[in-house]
Amino acid sequence: MATTLNEIDMMSADDPGRGDLVAQLITLARMHIEEEESQIFPALRSAMNPGELQDLGAALEAAKAGAPTRPHPHAPSGGIGAKVASAVSAPLDKARDKMADRP
């Protein structure tokens, strides 16, 4: 999904291939959402108590504040490399978003 997002981000709004990529992204997003709602979230609800779920939500919100806002498909997906890539790209993404008036 990150690769598709990156490709869309790099295209102009009138690029003829953009519509196909957006349709592909919608399909991927729906599959991702279905997996979360049917498998991941029910498993979390059954494995954690309400307090743990609250703590997890708070941790996710804190992580989101320092996370990149744009796709970086070539960045490492784990370990120290991912942490370094995120620490470098997040402030740059937020600056780009501010300059482009993106929420």
PDB file of N, CA and C in Angstrom:
ATOM      1  N   MET A   1       0.824  -1.183   0.000  1.00  0.00           N
ATOM      2  CA  MET A   1       0.000   0.000   0.000  1.00  0.00           C
ATOM      3  C   MET A   1       0.874   1.255   0.000  1.00  0.00           C
ATOM      4  N   ALA A   2       2.016   1.210   0.701  1.00  0.00           N
ATOM      5  CA  ALA A   2       2.901   2.376   0.761  1.00  0.00           C
ATOM      6  C   ALA A   2       3.444   2.727  -0.623  1.00  0.00           C
ATOM      7  N   THR A   3       3.746   1.714  -1.417  1.00  0.00           N
ATOM      8  CA  THR A   3       4.256   1.974  -2.764  1.00  0.00           C
ATOM      9  C   THR A   3       3.194   2.662  -3.615  1.00  0.00           C
ATOM     10  N   THR A   4       1.962   2.192  -3.519  1.00  0.00           N
ATOM     11  CA  THR A   4       0.864   2.794  -4.275  1.00  0.00           C
ATOM     12  C   THR A   4       0.639   4.229  -3.831  1.00  0.00           C
ATOM     13  N   LEU A   5       0.637   4.476  -2.519  1.00  0.00           N
ATOM     14  CA  LEU A   5       0.490   5.842  -2.006  1.00  0.00           C
ATOM     15  C   LEU A   5       1.599   6.749  -2.517  1.00  0.00           C
ATOM     16  N   ASN A   6       2.813   6.246  -2.515  1.00  0.00           N
ATOM     17  CA  ASN A   6       3.941   7.035  -2.991  1.00  0.00           C
ATOM     18  C   ASN A   6       3.788   7.360  -4.476  1.00  0.00           C
ATOM     19  N   GLU A   7       3.371   6.393  -5.260  1.00  0.00           N
ATOM     20  CA  GLU A   7       3.182   6.637  -6.693  1.00  0.00           C
ATOM     21  C   GLU A   7       2.115   7.696  -6.927  1.00  0.00           C
ATOM     22  N   ILE A   8       1.008   7.619  -6.189  1.00  0.00           N
ATOM     23  CA  ILE A   8      -0.050   8.619  -6.320  1.00  0.00           C
ATOM     24  C   ILE A   8       0.463   9.992  -5.910  1.00  0.00           C
ATOM     25  N   ASP A   9       1.211  10.039  -4.813  1.00  0.00           N
ATOM     26  CA  ASP A   9       1.744  11.304  -4.305  1.00  0.00           C
ATOM     27  C   ASP A   9       2.670  11.978  -5.314  1.00  0.00           C
ATOM     28  N   MET A  10       3.381  11.175  -6.095  1.00  0.00           N
ATOM     29  CA  MET A  10       4.331  11.718  -7.057  1.00  0.00           C
ATOM     30  C   MET A  10       3.665  12.161  -8.369  1.00  0.00           C
ATOM     31  N   MET A  11       2.416  11.770  -8.588  1.00  0.00           N
ATOM     32  CA  MET A  11       1.723  12.097  -9.839  1.00  0.00           C
ATOM     33  C   MET A  11       1.026  13.448  -9.753  1.00  0.00           C
ATOM     34  N   SER A  12       0.826  14.052 -10.898  1.00  0.00           N
ATOM     35  CA  SER A  12       0.000  15.251 -10.941  1.00  0.00           C
ATOM     36  C   SER A  12      -1.463  14.814 -10.929  1.00  0.00           C
ATOM     37  N   ALA A  13      -2.332  15.731 -10.555  1.00  0.00           N
ATOM     38  CA  ALA A  13      -3.757  15.402 -10.438  1.00  0.00           C
ATOM     39  C   ALA A  13      -4.369  14.974 -11.765  1.00  0.00           C
ATOM     40  N   ASP A  14      -3.811  15.422 -12.877  1.00  0.00           N
ATOM     41  CA  ASP A  14      -4.391  15.081 -14.178  1.00  0.00           C
ATOM     42  C   ASP A  14      -3.664  13.936 -14.893  1.00  0.00           C
ATOM     43  N   ASP A  15      -2.785  13.242 -14.190  1.00  0.00           N
ATOM     44  CA  ASP A  15      -2.078  12.099 -14.788  1.00  0.00           C
ATOM     45  C   ASP A  15      -3.088  11.011 -15.147  1.00  0.00           C
ATOM     46  N   PRO A  16      -3.058  10.496 -16.376  1.00  0.00           N
ATOM     47  CA  PRO A  16      -4.051   9.508 -16.800  1.00  0.00           C
ATOM     48  C   PRO A  16      -4.001   8.190 -16.012  1.00  0.00           C
ATOM     49  N   GLY A  17      -2.894   7.846 -15.429  1.00  0.00           N
ATOM     50  CA  GLY A  17      -2.801   6.605 -14.668  1.00  0.00           C
ATOM     51  C   GLY A  17      -3.207   6.737 -13.211  1.00  0.00           C
ATOM     52  N   ARG A  18      -3.469   7.947 -12.783  1.00  0.00           N
ATOM     53  CA  ARG A  18      -3.791   8.200 -11.373  1.00  0.00           C
ATOM     54  C   ARG A  18      -5.083   7.509 -10.934  1.00  0.00           C
ATOM     55  N   GLY A  19      -6.094   7.532 -11.777  1.00  0.00           N
ATOM     56  CA  GLY A  19      -7.380   6.912 -11.435  1.00  0.00           C
ATOM     57  C   GLY A  19      -7.241   5.423 -11.160  1.00  0.00           C
ATOM     58  N   ASP A  20      -6.447   4.726 -11.977  1.00  0.00           N
ATOM     59  CA  ASP A  20      -6.234   3.300 -11.764  1.00  0.00           C
ATOM     60  C   ASP A  20      -5.522   3.041 -10.439  1.00  0.00           C
ATOM     61  N   LEU A  21      -4.537   3.878 -10.127  1.00  0.00           N
ATOM     62  CA  LEU A  21      -3.817   3.709  -8.864  1.00  0.00           C
ATOM     63  C   LEU A  21      -4.714   4.006  -7.667  1.00  0.00           C
ATOM     64  N   VAL A  22      -5.567   5.005  -7.789  1.00  0.00           N
ATOM     65  CA  VAL A  22      -6.492   5.316  -6.695  1.00  0.00           C
ATOM     66  C   VAL A  22      -7.459   4.147  -6.495  1.00  0.00           C
ATOM     67  N   ALA A  23      -7.942   3.565  -7.580  1.00  0.00           N
ATOM     68  CA  ALA A  23      -8.823   2.394  -7.471  1.00  0.00           C
ATOM     69  C   ALA A  23      -8.090   1.230  -6.803  1.00  0.00           C
ATOM     70  N   GLN A  24      -6.831   1.031  -7.162  1.00  0.00           N
ATOM     71  CA  GLN A  24      -6.023  -0.016  -6.539  1.00  0.00           C
ATOM     72  C   GLN A  24      -5.845   0.268  -5.046  1.00  0.00           C
ATOM     73  N   LEU A  25      -5.583   1.523  -4.701  1.00  0.00           N
ATOM     74  CA  LEU A  25      -5.421   1.907  -3.299  1.00  0.00           C
ATOM     75  C   LEU A  25      -6.704   1.658  -2.511  1.00  0.00           C
ATOM     76  N   ILE A  26      -7.844   1.978  -3.097  1.00  0.00           N
ATOM     77  CA  ILE A  26      -9.128   1.749  -2.422  1.00  0.00           C
ATOM     78  C   ILE A  26      -9.314   0.261  -2.132  1.00  0.00           C
ATOM     79  N   THR A  27      -9.002  -0.580  -3.102  1.00  0.00           N
ATOM     80  CA  THR A  27      -9.112  -2.029  -2.905  1.00  0.00           C
ATOM     81  C   THR A  27      -8.192  -2.489  -1.778  1.00  0.00           C
ATOM     82  N   LEU A  28      -6.942  -2.032  -1.794  1.00  0.00           N
ATOM     83  CA  LEU A  28      -5.986  -2.411  -0.749  1.00  0.00           C
ATOM     84  C   LEU A  28      -6.437  -1.916   0.629  1.00  0.00           C
ATOM     85  N   ALA A  29      -6.938  -0.701   0.688  1.00  0.00           N
ATOM     86  CA  ALA A  29      -7.395  -0.139   1.962  1.00  0.00           C
ATOM     87  C   ALA A  29      -8.589  -0.921   2.500  1.00  0.00           C
ATOM     88  N   ARG A  30      -9.517  -1.275   1.630  1.00  0.00           N
ATOM     89  CA  ARG A  30     -10.678  -2.057   2.078  1.00  0.00           C
ATOM     90  C   ARG A  30     -10.256  -3.419   2.609  1.00  0.00           C
ATOM     91  N   MET A  31      -9.292  -4.055   1.949  1.00  0.00           N
ATOM     92  CA  MET A  31      -8.789  -5.340   2.427  1.00  0.00           C
ATOM     93  C   MET A  31      -8.133  -5.182   3.799  1.00  0.00           C
ATOM     94  N   HIS A  32      -7.360  -4.119   3.954  1.00  0.00           N
ATOM     95  CA  HIS A  32      -6.678  -3.847   5.221  1.00  0.00           C
ATOM     96  C   HIS A  32      -7.702  -3.606   6.338  1.00  0.00           C
ATOM     97  N   ILE A  33      -8.696  -2.790   6.058  1.00  0.00           N
ATOM     98  CA  ILE A  33      -9.734  -2.483   7.044  1.00  0.00           C
ATOM     99  C   ILE A  33     -10.501  -3.747   7.429  1.00  0.00           C
ATOM    100  N   GLU A  34     -10.840  -4.563   6.450  1.00  0.00           N
ATOM    101  CA  GLU A  34     -11.561  -5.813   6.715  1.00  0.00           C
ATOM    102  C   GLU A  34     -10.750  -6.725   7.633  1.00  0.00           C
ATOM    103  N   GLU A  35      -9.455  -6.842   7.366  1.00  0.00           N
ATOM    104  CA  GLU A  35      -8.592  -7.672   8.207  1.00  0.00           C
ATOM    105  C   GLU A  35      -8.546  -7.131   9.640  1.00  0.00           C
ATOM    106  N   GLU A  36      -8.407  -5.813   9.776  1.00  0.00           N
ATOM    107  CA  GLU A  36      -8.375  -5.222  11.116  1.00  0.00           C
ATOM    108  C   GLU A  36      -9.681  -5.475  11.861  1.00  0.00           C
ATOM    109  N   GLU A  37     -10.812  -5.211  11.192  1.00  0.00           N
ATOM    110  CA  GLU A  37     -12.103  -5.307  11.857  1.00  0.00           C
ATOM    111  C   GLU A  37     -12.529  -6.750  12.135  1.00  0.00           C
ATOM    112  N   SER A  38     -12.144  -7.683  11.286  1.00  0.00           N
ATOM    113  CA  SER A  38     -12.607  -9.058  11.466  1.00  0.00           C
ATOM    114  C   SER A  38     -11.633  -9.931  12.253  1.00  0.00           C
ATOM    115  N   GLN A  39     -10.347  -9.567  12.275  1.00  0.00           N
ATOM    116  CA  GLN A  39      -9.358 -10.422  12.931  1.00  0.00           C
ATOM    117  C   GLN A  39      -8.585  -9.711  14.042  1.00  0.00           C
ATOM    118  N   ILE A  40      -7.959  -8.604  13.697  1.00  0.00           N
ATOM    119  CA  ILE A  40      -7.026  -7.973  14.631  1.00  0.00           C
ATOM    120  C   ILE A  40      -7.740  -7.345  15.826  1.00  0.00           C
ATOM    121  N   PHE A  41      -8.738  -6.493  15.584  1.00  0.00           N
ATOM    122  CA  PHE A  41      -9.416  -5.821  16.697  1.00  0.00           C
ATOM    123  C   PHE A  41     -10.147  -6.805  17.606  1.00  0.00           C
ATOM    124  N   PRO A  42     -10.883  -7.797  17.076  1.00  0.00           N
ATOM    125  CA  PRO A  42     -11.507  -8.772  17.985  1.00  0.00           C
ATOM    126  C   PRO A  42     -10.477  -9.532  18.823  1.00  0.00           C
ATOM    127  N   ALA A  43      -9.334  -9.868  18.231  1.00  0.00           N
ATOM    128  CA  ALA A  43      -8.296 -10.573  18.986  1.00  0.00           C
ATOM    129  C   ALA A  43      -7.746  -9.681  20.101  1.00  0.00           C
ATOM    130  N   LEU A  44      -7.553  -8.401  19.813  1.00  0.00           N
ATOM    131  CA  LEU A  44      -7.079  -7.474  20.852  1.00  0.00           C
ATOM    132  C   LEU A  44      -8.107  -7.337  21.969  1.00  0.00           C
ATOM    133  N   ARG A  45      -9.387  -7.201  21.598  1.00  0.00           N
ATOM    134  CA  ARG A  45     -10.436  -7.052  22.608  1.00  0.00           C
ATOM    135  C   ARG A  45     -10.517  -8.265  23.531  1.00  0.00           C
ATOM    136  N   SER A  46     -10.291  -9.445  22.978  1.00  0.00           N
ATOM    137  CA  SER A  46     -10.379 -10.638  23.816  1.00  0.00           C
ATOM    138  C   SER A  46      -9.102 -10.870  24.625  1.00  0.00           C
ATOM    139  N   ALA A  47      -7.984 -10.320  24.186  1.00  0.00           N
ATOM    140  CA  ALA A  47      -6.708 -10.560  24.871  1.00  0.00           C
ATOM    141  C   ALA A  47      -6.355  -9.476  25.888  1.00  0.00           C
ATOM    142  N   MET A  48      -7.013  -8.316  25.804  1.00  0.00           N
ATOM    143  CA  MET A  48      -6.644  -7.192  26.672  1.00  0.00           C
ATOM    144  C   MET A  48      -7.853  -6.710  27.456  1.00  0.00           C
ATOM    145  N   ASN A  49      -7.585  -6.187  28.649  1.00  0.00           N
ATOM    146  CA  ASN A  49      -8.683  -5.599  29.421  1.00  0.00           C
ATOM    147  C   ASN A  49      -8.865  -4.138  29.002  1.00  0.00           C
ATOM    148  N   PRO A  50      -9.973  -3.495  29.401  1.00  0.00           N
ATOM    149  CA  PRO A  50     -10.228  -2.108  28.968  1.00  0.00           C
ATOM    150  C   PRO A  50      -9.098  -1.132  29.302  1.00  0.00           C
ATOM    151  N   GLY A  51      -8.470  -1.283  30.444  1.00  0.00           N
ATOM    152  CA  GLY A  51      -7.363  -0.386  30.809  1.00  0.00           C
ATOM    153  C   GLY A  51      -6.182  -0.539  29.870  1.00  0.00           C
ATOM    154  N   GLU A  52      -5.873  -1.780  29.519  1.00  0.00           N
ATOM    155  CA  GLU A  52      -4.770  -2.037  28.582  1.00  0.00           C
ATOM    156  C   GLU A  52      -5.096  -1.467  27.199  1.00  0.00           C
ATOM    157  N   LEU A  53      -6.361  -1.586  26.795  1.00  0.00           N
ATOM    158  CA  LEU A  53      -6.765  -1.014  25.503  1.00  0.00           C
ATOM    159  C   LEU A  53      -6.635   0.505  25.520  1.00  0.00           C
ATOM    160  N   GLN A  54      -6.988   1.136  26.652  1.00  0.00           N
ATOM    161  CA  GLN A  54      -6.825   2.595  26.794  1.00  0.00           C
ATOM    162  C   GLN A  54      -5.357   2.972  26.687  1.00  0.00           C
ATOM    163  N   ASP A  55      -4.501   2.227  27.362  1.00  0.00           N
ATOM    164  CA  ASP A  55      -3.056   2.497  27.317  1.00  0.00           C
ATOM    165  C   ASP A  55      -2.516   2.326  25.901  1.00  0.00           C
ATOM    166  N   LEU A  56      -2.985   1.287  25.213  1.00  0.00           N
ATOM    167  CA  LEU A  56      -2.555   1.058  23.837  1.00  0.00           C
ATOM    168  C   LEU A  56      -2.992   2.210  22.937  1.00  0.00           C
ATOM    169  N   GLY A  57      -4.228   2.669  23.113  1.00  0.00           N
ATOM    170  CA  GLY A  57      -4.714   3.810  22.330  1.00  0.00           C
ATOM    171  C   GLY A  57      -3.890   5.061  22.571  1.00  0.00           C
ATOM    172  N   ALA A  58      -3.552   5.313  23.835  1.00  0.00           N
ATOM    173  CA  ALA A  58      -2.733   6.488  24.165  1.00  0.00           C
ATOM    174  C   ALA A  58      -1.340   6.366  23.546  1.00  0.00           C
ATOM    175  N   ALA A  59      -0.768   5.162  23.580  1.00  0.00           N
ATOM    176  CA  ALA A  59       0.558   4.946  22.983  1.00  0.00           C
ATOM    177  C   ALA A  59       0.508   5.149  21.469  1.00  0.00           C
ATOM    178  N   LEU A  60      -0.569   4.695  20.838  1.00  0.00           N
ATOM    179  CA  LEU A  60      -0.704   4.886  19.386  1.00  0.00           C
ATOM    180  C   LEU A  60      -0.829   6.366  19.029  1.00  0.00           C
ATOM    181  N   GLU A  61      -1.593   7.113  19.824  1.00  0.00           N
ATOM    182  CA  GLU A  61      -1.724   8.551  19.580  1.00  0.00           C
ATOM    183  C   GLU A  61      -0.379   9.255  19.726  1.00  0.00           C
ATOM    184  N   ALA A  62       0.389   8.881  20.726  1.00  0.00           N
ATOM    185  CA  ALA A  62       1.716   9.486  20.929  1.00  0.00           C
ATOM    186  C   ALA A  62       2.643   9.139  19.771  1.00  0.00           C
ATOM    187  N   ALA A  63       2.598   7.891  19.321  1.00  0.00           N
ATOM    188  CA  ALA A  63       3.449   7.481  18.197  1.00  0.00           C
ATOM    189  C   ALA A  63       3.044   8.205  16.916  1.00  0.00           C
ATOM    190  N   LYS A  64       1.748   8.406  16.726  1.00  0.00           N
ATOM    191  CA  LYS A  64       1.248   9.087  15.526  1.00  0.00           C
ATOM    192  C   LYS A  64       1.771  10.519  15.435  1.00  0.00           C
ATOM    193  N   ALA A  65       1.912  11.170  16.582  1.00  0.00           N
ATOM    194  CA  ALA A  65       2.389  12.557  16.598  1.00  0.00           C
ATOM    195  C   ALA A  65       3.806  12.675  16.055  1.00  0.00           C
ATOM    196  N   GLY A  66       4.619  11.639  16.202  1.00  0.00           N
ATOM    197  CA  GLY A  66       5.997  11.684  15.730  1.00  0.00           C
ATOM    198  C   GLY A  66       6.253  10.842  14.500  1.00  0.00           C
ATOM    199  N   ALA A  67       5.194  10.369  13.874  1.00  0.00           N
ATOM    200  CA  ALA A  67       5.343   9.469  12.721  1.00  0.00           C
ATOM    201  C   ALA A  67       5.331  10.234  11.398  1.00  0.00           C
ATOM    202  N   PRO A  68       5.943   9.675  10.363  1.00  0.00           N
ATOM    203  CA  PRO A  68       5.869  10.284   9.036  1.00  0.00           C
ATOM    204  C   PRO A  68       4.414  10.373   8.564  1.00  0.00           C
ATOM    205  N   THR A  69       4.134  11.355   7.732  1.00  0.00           N
ATOM    206  CA  THR A  69       2.773  11.534   7.219  1.00  0.00           C
ATOM    207  C   THR A  69       2.652  11.174   5.746  1.00  0.00           C
ATOM    208  N   ARG A  70       3.738  10.746   5.152  1.00  0.00           N
ATOM    209  CA  ARG A  70       3.759  10.374   3.737  1.00  0.00           C
ATOM    210  C   ARG A  70       4.366   8.989   3.603  1.00  0.00           C
ATOM    211  N   PRO A  71       4.051   8.301   2.522  1.00  0.00           N
ATOM    212  CA  PRO A  71       4.620   6.962   2.340  1.00  0.00           C
ATOM    213  C   PRO A  71       6.114   7.020   2.038  1.00  0.00           C
ATOM    214  N   HIS A  72       6.830   6.070   2.581  1.00  0.00           N
ATOM    215  CA  HIS A  72       8.262   5.935   2.333  1.00  0.00           C
ATOM    216  C   HIS A  72       8.545   4.458   2.070  1.00  0.00           C
ATOM    217  N   PRO A  73       8.184   3.986   0.872  1.00  0.00           N
ATOM    218  CA  PRO A  73       8.246   2.544   0.603  1.00  0.00           C
ATOM    219  C   PRO A  73       9.647   1.954   0.616  1.00  0.00           C
ATOM    220  N   HIS A  74      10.667   2.766   0.500  1.00  0.00           N
ATOM    221  CA  HIS A  74      12.032   2.236   0.468  1.00  0.00           C
ATOM    222  C   HIS A  74      12.719   2.313   1.831  1.00  0.00           C
ATOM    223  N   ALA A  75      12.001   2.836   2.824  1.00  0.00           N
ATOM    224  CA  ALA A  75      12.561   2.912   4.171  1.00  0.00           C
ATOM    225  C   ALA A  75      12.550   1.524   4.797  1.00  0.00           C
ATOM    226  N   PRO A  76      13.472   1.261   5.702  1.00  0.00           N
ATOM    227  CA  PRO A  76      13.474  -0.034   6.396  1.00  0.00           C
ATOM    228  C   PRO A  76      12.158  -0.245   7.139  1.00  0.00           C
ATOM    229  N   SER A  77      11.726  -1.488   7.237  1.00  0.00           N
ATOM    230  CA  SER A  77      10.432  -1.768   7.869  1.00  0.00           C
ATOM    231  C   SER A  77      10.560  -2.182   9.332  1.00  0.00           C
ATOM    232  N   GLY A  78      11.758  -2.278   9.840  1.00  0.00           N
ATOM    233  CA  GLY A  78      11.904  -2.666  11.235  1.00  0.00           C
ATOM    234  C   GLY A  78      13.283  -2.350  11.768  1.00  0.00           C
ATOM    235  N   GLY A  79      13.419  -2.507  13.074  1.00  0.00           N
ATOM    236  CA  GLY A  79      14.711  -2.319  13.713  1.00  0.00           C
ATOM    237  C   GLY A  79      15.135  -0.866  13.814  1.00  0.00           C
ATOM    238  N   ILE A  80      16.395  -0.688  14.069  1.00  0.00           N
ATOM    239  CA  ILE A  80      16.954   0.656  14.253  1.00  0.00           C
ATOM    240  C   ILE A  80      16.870   1.477  12.970  1.00  0.00           C
ATOM    241  N   GLY A  81      16.979   0.808  11.824  1.00  0.00           N
ATOM    242  CA  GLY A  81      16.885   1.525  10.545  1.00  0.00           C
ATOM    243  C   GLY A  81      15.539   2.206  10.379  1.00  0.00           C
ATOM    244  N   ALA A  82      14.473   1.525  10.773  1.00  0.00           N
ATOM    245  CA  ALA A  82      13.127   2.110  10.676  1.00  0.00           C
ATOM    246  C   ALA A  82      12.986   3.285  11.633  1.00  0.00           C
ATOM    247  N   LYS A  83      13.557   3.162  12.821  1.00  0.00           N
ATOM    248  CA  LYS A  83      13.476   4.250  13.795  1.00  0.00           C
ATOM    249  C   LYS A  83      14.220   5.485  13.304  1.00  0.00           C
ATOM    250  N   VAL A  84      15.391   5.277  12.732  1.00  0.00           N
ATOM    251  CA  VAL A  84      16.173   6.399  12.214  1.00  0.00           C
ATOM    252  C   VAL A  84      15.452   7.028  11.019  1.00  0.00           C
ATOM    253  N   ALA A  85      14.969   6.205  10.110  1.00  0.00           N
ATOM    254  CA  ALA A  85      14.258   6.722   8.930  1.00  0.00           C
ATOM    255  C   ALA A  85      13.034   7.520   9.348  1.00  0.00           C
ATOM    256  N   SER A  86      12.298   7.028  10.328  1.00  0.00           N
ATOM    257  CA  SER A  86      11.115   7.731  10.800  1.00  0.00           C
ATOM    258  C   SER A  86      11.482   9.051  11.462  1.00  0.00           C
ATOM    259  N   ALA A  87      12.528   9.034  12.273  1.00  0.00           N
ATOM    260  CA  ALA A  87      12.956  10.253  12.963  1.00  0.00           C
ATOM    261  C   ALA A  87      13.403  11.330  11.984  1.00  0.00           C
ATOM    262  N   VAL A  88      13.956  10.913  10.864  1.00  0.00           N
ATOM    263  CA  VAL A  88      14.415  11.872   9.853  1.00  0.00           C
ATOM    264  C   VAL A  88      13.263  12.324   8.972  1.00  0.00           C
ATOM    265  N   SER A  89      12.426  11.380   8.546  1.00  0.00           N
ATOM    266  CA  SER A  89      11.386  11.717   7.570  1.00  0.00           C
ATOM    267  C   SER A  89      10.182  12.419   8.184  1.00  0.00           C
ATOM    268  N   ALA A  90       9.835  12.113   9.434  1.00  0.00           N
ATOM    269  CA  ALA A  90       8.640  12.714  10.037  1.00  0.00           C
ATOM    270  C   ALA A  90       8.681  14.244  10.046  1.00  0.00           C
ATOM    271  N   PRO A  91       9.754  14.878  10.538  1.00  0.00           N
ATOM    272  CA  PRO A  91       9.757  16.346  10.523  1.00  0.00           C
ATOM    273  C   PRO A  91       9.733  16.926   9.102  1.00  0.00           C
ATOM    274  N   LEU A  92      10.399  16.248   8.174  1.00  0.00           N
ATOM    275  CA  LEU A  92      10.383  16.716   6.781  1.00  0.00           C
ATOM    276  C   LEU A  92       8.976  16.590   6.193  1.00  0.00           C
ATOM    277  N   ASP A  93       8.308  15.478   6.473  1.00  0.00           N
ATOM    278  CA  ASP A  93       6.933  15.293   5.996  1.00  0.00           C
ATOM    279  C   ASP A  93       6.018  16.374   6.555  1.00  0.00           C
ATOM    280  N   LYS A  94       6.148  16.644   7.845  1.00  0.00           N
ATOM    281  CA  LYS A  94       5.282  17.642   8.471  1.00  0.00           C
ATOM    282  C   LYS A  94       5.538  19.035   7.885  1.00  0.00           C
ATOM    283  N   ALA A  95       6.791  19.335   7.577  1.00  0.00           N
ATOM    284  CA  ALA A  95       7.106  20.622   6.933  1.00  0.00           C
ATOM    285  C   ALA A  95       6.493  20.689   5.539  1.00  0.00           C
ATOM    286  N   ARG A  96       6.622  19.604   4.753  1.00  0.00           N
ATOM    287  CA  ARG A  96       6.008  19.561   3.425  1.00  0.00           C
ATOM    288  C   ARG A  96       4.496  19.725   3.522  1.00  0.00           C
ATOM    289  N   ASP A  97       3.880  19.058   4.498  1.00  0.00           N
ATOM    290  CA  ASP A  97       2.434  19.142   4.673  1.00  0.00           C
ATOM    291  C   ASP A  97       2.024  20.578   4.987  1.00  0.00           C
ATOM    292  N   LYS A  98       2.782  21.225   5.846  1.00  0.00           N
ATOM    293  CA  LYS A  98       2.457  22.608   6.222  1.00  0.00           C
ATOM    294  C   LYS A  98       2.581  23.536   5.014  1.00  0.00           C
ATOM    295  N   MET A  99       3.626  23.354   4.219  1.00  0.00           N
ATOM    296  CA  MET A  99       3.830  24.182   3.030  1.00  0.00           C
ATOM    297  C   MET A  99       2.735  23.938   1.991  1.00  0.00           C
ATOM    298  N   ALA A 100       2.234  22.716   1.918  1.00  0.00           N
ATOM    299  CA  ALA A 100       1.213  22.362   0.939  1.00  0.00           C
ATOM    300  C   ALA A 100      -0.196  22.522   1.500  1.00  0.00           C
ATOM    301  N   ASP A 101      -0.316  22.998   2.734  1.00  0.00           N
ATOM    302  CA  ASP A 101      -1.599  23.167   3.410  1.00  0.00           C
ATOM    303  C   ASP A 101      -2.363  21.859   3.554  1.00  0.00           C
ATOM    304  N   ARG A 102      -1.606  20.764   3.794  1.00  0.00           N
ATOM    305  CA  ARG A 102      -2.221  19.458   4.027  1.00  0.00           C
ATOM    306  C   ARG A 102      -2.482  19.290   5.513  1.00  0.00           C
ATOM    307  N   PRO A 103      -3.622  18.704   5.859  1.00  0.00           N
ATOM    308  CA  PRO A 103      -3.899  18.487   7.294  1.00  0.00           C
ATOM    309  C   PRO A 103      -2.990  17.419   7.887  1.00  0.00           C
TER     310      PRO A 103
END
